[in-house]
């Protein structure tokens, strides 16, 4: 449905995340797109057509417990693509976990945990045990433990002095993390050791 593209833009949706459903036959696997609407505090579930790229709305899932809308809805999917983590930037600031129905792509709310700040970007590590965040307005990066699938614990660590941090990702080894700051041109790397995030500045 080509109108889905226009609807998403009209509502000011800013984050989209695609995840392939894990079905028995790879040839029959469907691809779903998850779009966060910060104004309505909903996640739009859309199915992507492999033939022409059109999007069809499958469902709209509310993010429970939100009292004040934020400015965007960062999202990250678990390594096995069975859990979608959704951050909120209004009040309260939480990370909500949703299970992904492997056949339909629909979401079911599991739990929500507190975030340390308004996060412009979140990312699950490659083990699925930690949720990393980058706060553009807070100038910091954060880490929350994932206590069980879909259940985010309280912030474990907050690192300051990262001006306008707007992204954070794990490298292929899952031993190092890269975060970008803006407008300063530069990259910092973080390394996990004994379940703690250790900062190592690059020259």
C-alpha atoms as a PDB file:
ATOM      1  CA  UNK A   1       0.000   0.000   0.000  1.00  0.00           C
ATOM      2  CA  UNK A   2       1.838   3.080  -1.257  1.00  0.00           C
ATOM      3  CA  UNK A   3      -0.213   5.335   1.022  1.00  0.00           C
ATOM      4  CA  UNK A   4       1.567   3.860   4.031  1.00  0.00           C
ATOM      5  CA  UNK A   5       4.714   5.750   3.048  1.00  0.00           C
ATOM      6  CA  UNK A   6       2.843   9.056   2.965  1.00  0.00           C
ATOM      7  CA  UNK A   7       1.027   8.337   6.242  1.00  0.00           C
ATOM      8  CA  UNK A   8       4.299   7.639   8.057  1.00  0.00           C
ATOM      9  CA  UNK A   9       5.823  10.891   6.826  1.00  0.00           C
ATOM     10  CA  UNK A  10       2.687  12.912   7.601  1.00  0.00           C
ATOM     11  CA  UNK A  11       2.630  11.713  11.205  1.00  0.00           C
ATOM     12  CA  UNK A  12       6.259  12.659  11.714  1.00  0.00           C
ATOM     13  CA  UNK A  13       7.437   9.099  12.331  1.00  0.00           C
ATOM     14  CA  UNK A  14      11.223   9.089  12.484  1.00  0.00           C
ATOM     15  CA  UNK A  15      12.457   5.570  13.234  1.00  0.00           C
ATOM     16  CA  UNK A  16      11.902   2.390  11.199  1.00  0.00           C
ATOM     17  CA  UNK A  17      13.227  -1.080  11.852  1.00  0.00           C
ATOM     18  CA  UNK A  18      12.804  -4.172   9.642  1.00  0.00           C
ATOM     19  CA  UNK A  19      12.879  -7.739  10.957  1.00  0.00           C
ATOM     20  CA  UNK A  20      12.386 -10.963   9.018  1.00  0.00           C
ATOM     21  CA  UNK A  21       9.939 -13.395  10.630  1.00  0.00           C
ATOM     22  CA  UNK A  22      11.530 -16.703  11.604  1.00  0.00           C
ATOM     23  CA  UNK A  23       9.359 -19.251   9.839  1.00  0.00           C
ATOM     24  CA  UNK A  24       9.911 -22.924   9.036  1.00  0.00           C
ATOM     25  CA  UNK A  25      10.512 -22.320   5.333  1.00  0.00           C
ATOM     26  CA  UNK A  26      12.962 -19.510   4.431  1.00  0.00           C
ATOM     27  CA  UNK A  27      11.192 -19.130   1.085  1.00  0.00           C
ATOM     28  CA  UNK A  28       7.942 -18.332   2.894  1.00  0.00           C
ATOM     29  CA  UNK A  29       9.447 -15.939   5.440  1.00  0.00           C
ATOM     30  CA  UNK A  30       7.762 -12.557   5.601  1.00  0.00           C
ATOM     31  CA  UNK A  31       9.490  -9.253   6.264  1.00  0.00           C
ATOM     32  CA  UNK A  32       7.930  -6.826   8.721  1.00  0.00           C
ATOM     33  CA  UNK A  33       8.717  -3.167   9.315  1.00  0.00           C
ATOM     34  CA  UNK A  34       8.235  -1.545  12.732  1.00  0.00           C
ATOM     35  CA  UNK A  35       7.677   2.207  12.742  1.00  0.00           C
ATOM     36  CA  UNK A  36       7.491   4.257  15.939  1.00  0.00           C
ATOM     37  CA  UNK A  37       4.969   7.096  16.095  1.00  0.00           C
ATOM     38  CA  UNK A  38       6.106   9.302  18.985  1.00  0.00           C
ATOM     39  CA  UNK A  39       2.981  11.481  18.877  1.00  0.00           C
ATOM     40  CA  UNK A  40       0.517   8.653  19.450  1.00  0.00           C
ATOM     41  CA  UNK A  41       2.920   6.350  21.379  1.00  0.00           C
ATOM     42  CA  UNK A  42       2.203   3.496  18.993  1.00  0.00           C
ATOM     43  CA  UNK A  43       4.288   1.030  17.020  1.00  0.00           C
ATOM     44  CA  UNK A  44       3.019   0.514  13.496  1.00  0.00           C
ATOM     45  CA  UNK A  45       3.507  -3.041  12.231  1.00  0.00           C
ATOM     46  CA  UNK A  46       3.740  -3.187   8.444  1.00  0.00           C
ATOM     47  CA  UNK A  47       4.438  -6.039   6.043  1.00  0.00           C
ATOM     48  CA  UNK A  48       6.887  -5.398   3.228  1.00  0.00           C
ATOM     49  CA  UNK A  49       6.054  -6.796  -0.201  1.00  0.00           C
ATOM     50  CA  UNK A  50       9.114  -8.466  -1.780  1.00  0.00           C
ATOM     51  CA  UNK A  51       7.582  -7.964  -5.225  1.00  0.00           C
ATOM     52  CA  UNK A  52       7.157  -4.186  -5.313  1.00  0.00           C
ATOM     53  CA  UNK A  53       8.300  -2.823  -1.936  1.00  0.00           C
ATOM     54  CA  UNK A  54       4.819  -1.702  -0.887  1.00  0.00           C
ATOM     55  CA  UNK A  55       3.930  -1.585   2.814  1.00  0.00           C
ATOM     56  CA  UNK A  56       0.664  -2.886   4.269  1.00  0.00           C
ATOM     57  CA  UNK A  57      -0.429  -1.991   7.793  1.00  0.00           C
ATOM     58  CA  UNK A  58      -0.819  -5.164   9.879  1.00  0.00           C
ATOM     59  CA  UNK A  59      -1.383  -3.710  13.348  1.00  0.00           C
ATOM     60  CA  UNK A  60      -0.890  -0.699  15.647  1.00  0.00           C
ATOM     61  CA  UNK A  61       0.483  -1.508  19.100  1.00  0.00           C
ATOM     62  CA  UNK A  62       0.340   1.061  21.936  1.00  0.00           C
ATOM     63  CA  UNK A  63       3.298   1.622  24.269  1.00  0.00           C
ATOM     64  CA  UNK A  64       1.675   1.378  27.716  1.00  0.00           C
ATOM     65  CA  UNK A  65       2.182   3.795  30.596  1.00  0.00           C
ATOM     66  CA  UNK A  66       3.270   6.887  28.644  1.00  0.00           C
ATOM     67  CA  UNK A  67       2.030  10.156  30.154  1.00  0.00           C
ATOM     68  CA  UNK A  68       3.758  12.660  27.844  1.00  0.00           C
ATOM     69  CA  UNK A  69       4.802  12.069  24.207  1.00  0.00           C
ATOM     70  CA  UNK A  70       8.446  12.383  23.206  1.00  0.00           C
ATOM     71  CA  UNK A  71      10.143  13.528  20.017  1.00  0.00           C
ATOM     72  CA  UNK A  72      11.092  10.141  18.559  1.00  0.00           C
ATOM     73  CA  UNK A  73      10.905   6.400  19.218  1.00  0.00           C
ATOM     74  CA  UNK A  74      14.263   4.602  18.981  1.00  0.00           C
ATOM     75  CA  UNK A  75      14.070   0.827  18.538  1.00  0.00           C
ATOM     76  CA  UNK A  76      16.311  -2.221  18.442  1.00  0.00           C
ATOM     77  CA  UNK A  77      15.643  -5.898  17.787  1.00  0.00           C
ATOM     78  CA  UNK A  78      17.179  -8.819  19.697  1.00  0.00           C
ATOM     79  CA  UNK A  79      19.795 -10.959  17.910  1.00  0.00           C
ATOM     80  CA  UNK A  80      17.278 -13.780  17.415  1.00  0.00           C
ATOM     81  CA  UNK A  81      14.677 -11.268  16.120  1.00  0.00           C
ATOM     82  CA  UNK A  82      12.092 -12.421  18.617  1.00  0.00           C
ATOM     83  CA  UNK A  83      12.047  -9.320  20.839  1.00  0.00           C
ATOM     84  CA  UNK A  84      11.626  -5.658  19.886  1.00  0.00           C
ATOM     85  CA  UNK A  85      12.914  -3.058  22.361  1.00  0.00           C
ATOM     86  CA  UNK A  86      11.349   0.398  22.149  1.00  0.00           C
ATOM     87  CA  UNK A  87      12.644   3.550  23.861  1.00  0.00           C
ATOM     88  CA  UNK A  88      10.489   6.538  24.801  1.00  0.00           C
ATOM     89  CA  UNK A  89      11.716  10.123  25.083  1.00  0.00           C
ATOM     90  CA  UNK A  90       8.761  11.765  26.822  1.00  0.00           C
ATOM     91  CA  UNK A  91       7.571  10.887  30.318  1.00  0.00           C
ATOM     92  CA  UNK A  92       8.339   8.445  31.715  1.00  0.00           C
ATOM     93  CA  UNK A  93      11.501   7.508  29.840  1.00  0.00           C
ATOM     94  CA  UNK A  94      11.384   3.741  29.505  1.00  0.00           C
ATOM     95  CA  UNK A  95      12.566   0.837  27.399  1.00  0.00           C
ATOM     96  CA  UNK A  96       9.603  -1.384  26.584  1.00  0.00           C
ATOM     97  CA  UNK A  97      10.036  -4.978  25.432  1.00  0.00           C
ATOM     98  CA  UNK A  98       7.646  -6.681  23.002  1.00  0.00           C
ATOM     99  CA  UNK A  99       7.612 -10.245  21.718  1.00  0.00           C
ATOM    100  CA  UNK A 100       7.323 -10.590  17.941  1.00  0.00           C
ATOM    101  CA  UNK A 101       4.799 -13.113  16.644  1.00  0.00           C
ATOM    102  CA  UNK A 102       6.852 -15.120  14.165  1.00  0.00           C
ATOM    103  CA  UNK A 103       3.932 -15.719  11.815  1.00  0.00           C
ATOM    104  CA  UNK A 104       2.107 -12.377  11.801  1.00  0.00           C
ATOM    105  CA  UNK A 105       4.726  -9.888  12.995  1.00  0.00           C
ATOM    106  CA  UNK A 106       2.337  -8.581  15.667  1.00  0.00           C
ATOM    107  CA  UNK A 107       3.725  -7.369  18.987  1.00  0.00           C
ATOM    108  CA  UNK A 108       2.850  -8.325  22.568  1.00  0.00           C
ATOM    109  CA  UNK A 109       4.013  -6.166  25.475  1.00  0.00           C
ATOM    110  CA  UNK A 110       6.260  -7.911  28.020  1.00  0.00           C
ATOM    111  CA  UNK A 111       7.681  -5.343  30.413  1.00  0.00           C
ATOM    112  CA  UNK A 112       9.245  -1.882  30.711  1.00  0.00           C
ATOM    113  CA  UNK A 113      12.366  -0.672  32.523  1.00  0.00           C
ATOM    114  CA  UNK A 114      13.659   2.854  33.275  1.00  0.00           C
ATOM    115  CA  UNK A 115      16.141   4.694  31.079  1.00  0.00           C
ATOM    116  CA  UNK A 116      18.754   7.148  32.384  1.00  0.00           C
ATOM    117  CA  UNK A 117      17.956   9.877  29.855  1.00  0.00           C
ATOM    118  CA  UNK A 118      16.249  10.775  26.600  1.00  0.00           C
ATOM    119  CA  UNK A 119      17.954   8.375  24.184  1.00  0.00           C
ATOM    120  CA  UNK A 120      18.189   9.180  20.500  1.00  0.00           C
ATOM    121  CA  UNK A 121      19.491   5.686  19.735  1.00  0.00           C
ATOM    122  CA  UNK A 122      19.379   2.264  21.374  1.00  0.00           C
ATOM    123  CA  UNK A 123      21.060  -1.006  20.414  1.00  0.00           C
ATOM    124  CA  UNK A 124      21.018  -4.535  21.805  1.00  0.00           C
ATOM    125  CA  UNK A 125      24.428  -6.178  22.094  1.00  0.00           C
ATOM    126  CA  UNK A 126      25.128  -9.329  20.108  1.00  0.00           C
ATOM    127  CA  UNK A 127      24.458 -11.612  23.091  1.00  0.00           C
ATOM    128  CA  UNK A 128      21.066 -10.031  23.796  1.00  0.00           C
ATOM    129  CA  UNK A 129      22.108  -9.294  27.407  1.00  0.00           C
ATOM    130  CA  UNK A 130      22.587  -5.518  27.311  1.00  0.00           C
ATOM    131  CA  UNK A 131      20.795  -2.495  25.909  1.00  0.00           C
ATOM    132  CA  UNK A 132      23.081   0.403  24.957  1.00  0.00           C
ATOM    133  CA  UNK A 133      21.845   3.944  24.532  1.00  0.00           C
ATOM    134  CA  UNK A 134      23.100   7.278  23.186  1.00  0.00           C
ATOM    135  CA  UNK A 135      21.600  10.497  24.554  1.00  0.00           C
ATOM    136  CA  UNK A 136      21.870  13.492  22.234  1.00  0.00           C
ATOM    137  CA  UNK A 137      20.461  16.050  24.727  1.00  0.00           C
ATOM    138  CA  UNK A 138      22.122  14.444  27.765  1.00  0.00           C
ATOM    139  CA  UNK A 139      25.594  14.167  26.170  1.00  0.00           C
ATOM    140  CA  UNK A 140      26.042  10.664  27.562  1.00  0.00           C
ATOM    141  CA  UNK A 141      25.926   6.981  26.696  1.00  0.00           C
ATOM    142  CA  UNK A 142      24.276   4.344  28.855  1.00  0.00           C
ATOM    143  CA  UNK A 143      23.938   0.608  29.401  1.00  0.00           C
ATOM    144  CA  UNK A 144      20.979  -1.298  30.852  1.00  0.00           C
ATOM    145  CA  UNK A 145      21.061  -5.027  31.581  1.00  0.00           C
ATOM    146  CA  UNK A 146      18.460  -7.199  29.865  1.00  0.00           C
ATOM    147  CA  UNK A 147      17.394  -9.459  32.721  1.00  0.00           C
ATOM    148  CA  UNK A 148      15.202 -11.752  30.621  1.00  0.00           C
ATOM    149  CA  UNK A 149      13.863 -11.577  27.066  1.00  0.00           C
ATOM    150  CA  UNK A 150      11.807  -8.384  26.871  1.00  0.00           C
ATOM    151  CA  UNK A 151      12.698  -7.260  30.421  1.00  0.00           C
ATOM    152  CA  UNK A 152      15.098  -4.311  30.722  1.00  0.00           C
ATOM    153  CA  UNK A 153      16.662  -3.640  34.126  1.00  0.00           C
ATOM    154  CA  UNK A 154      17.672  -0.335  35.702  1.00  0.00           C
ATOM    155  CA  UNK A 155      20.640   1.560  34.192  1.00  0.00           C
ATOM    156  CA  UNK A 156      23.884  -0.208  35.047  1.00  0.00           C
ATOM    157  CA  UNK A 157      26.255   2.488  33.862  1.00  0.00           C
ATOM    158  CA  UNK A 158      26.139   6.059  32.541  1.00  0.00           C
ATOM    159  CA  UNK A 159      29.166   7.611  30.837  1.00  0.00           C
ATOM    160  CA  UNK A 160      29.264  11.411  30.663  1.00  0.00           C
ATOM    161  CA  UNK A 161      30.952  13.888  28.307  1.00  0.00           C
ATOM    162  CA  UNK A 162      29.803  12.517  24.966  1.00  0.00           C
ATOM    163  CA  UNK A 163      28.550  15.708  23.252  1.00  0.00           C
ATOM    164  CA  UNK A 164      25.352  15.151  21.262  1.00  0.00           C
ATOM    165  CA  UNK A 165      25.817  11.374  21.224  1.00  0.00           C
ATOM    166  CA  UNK A 166      23.495  10.054  18.529  1.00  0.00           C
ATOM    167  CA  UNK A 167      24.460   6.440  17.831  1.00  0.00           C
ATOM    168  CA  UNK A 168      26.063   3.418  19.493  1.00  0.00           C
ATOM    169  CA  UNK A 169      26.731  -0.064  18.110  1.00  0.00           C
ATOM    170  CA  UNK A 170      28.676  -3.227  18.929  1.00  0.00           C
ATOM    171  CA  UNK A 171      31.464  -4.424  16.665  1.00  0.00           C
ATOM    172  CA  UNK A 172      31.494  -7.916  15.160  1.00  0.00           C
ATOM    173  CA  UNK A 173      33.352  -9.377  18.146  1.00  0.00           C
ATOM    174  CA  UNK A 174      30.880  -7.870  20.644  1.00  0.00           C
ATOM    175  CA  UNK A 175      33.952  -6.816  22.670  1.00  0.00           C
ATOM    176  CA  UNK A 176      33.943  -3.167  21.587  1.00  0.00           C
ATOM    177  CA  UNK A 177      31.299  -0.488  21.169  1.00  0.00           C
ATOM    178  CA  UNK A 178      31.448   2.518  18.899  1.00  0.00           C
ATOM    179  CA  UNK A 179      29.592   5.751  19.575  1.00  0.00           C
ATOM    180  CA  UNK A 180      29.458   8.943  17.519  1.00  0.00           C
ATOM    181  CA  UNK A 181      29.247  12.512  18.758  1.00  0.00           C
ATOM    182  CA  UNK A 182      28.143  15.575  16.797  1.00  0.00           C
ATOM    183  CA  UNK A 183      29.299  18.126  15.674  1.00  0.00           C
ATOM    184  CA  UNK A 184      32.704  16.964  16.922  1.00  0.00           C
ATOM    185  CA  UNK A 185      34.290  14.652  14.389  1.00  0.00           C
ATOM    186  CA  UNK A 186      35.481  11.616  16.265  1.00  0.00           C
ATOM    187  CA  UNK A 187      34.684   8.148  17.501  1.00  0.00           C
ATOM    188  CA  UNK A 188      34.916   6.579  20.942  1.00  0.00           C
ATOM    189  CA  UNK A 189      35.023   2.896  21.639  1.00  0.00           C
ATOM    190  CA  UNK A 190      33.715   1.032  24.685  1.00  0.00           C
ATOM    191  CA  UNK A 191      34.846  -2.393  25.792  1.00  0.00           C
ATOM    192  CA  UNK A 192      32.989  -4.861  27.990  1.00  0.00           C
ATOM    193  CA  UNK A 193      34.907  -6.578  30.791  1.00  0.00           C
ATOM    194  CA  UNK A 194      33.326  -8.599  33.592  1.00  0.00           C
ATOM    195  CA  UNK A 195      29.873  -7.209  32.734  1.00  0.00           C
ATOM    196  CA  UNK A 196      31.003  -3.577  33.076  1.00  0.00           C
ATOM    197  CA  UNK A 197      31.396  -1.080  30.233  1.00  0.00           C
ATOM    198  CA  UNK A 198      34.889   0.430  30.167  1.00  0.00           C
ATOM    199  CA  UNK A 199      35.587   3.559  28.149  1.00  0.00           C
ATOM    200  CA  UNK A 200      38.651   3.734  25.918  1.00  0.00           C
ATOM    201  CA  UNK A 201      39.156   6.963  23.966  1.00  0.00           C
ATOM    202  CA  UNK A 202      40.491   6.757  20.426  1.00  0.00           C
ATOM    203  CA  UNK A 203      43.011   9.292  19.226  1.00  0.00           C
END
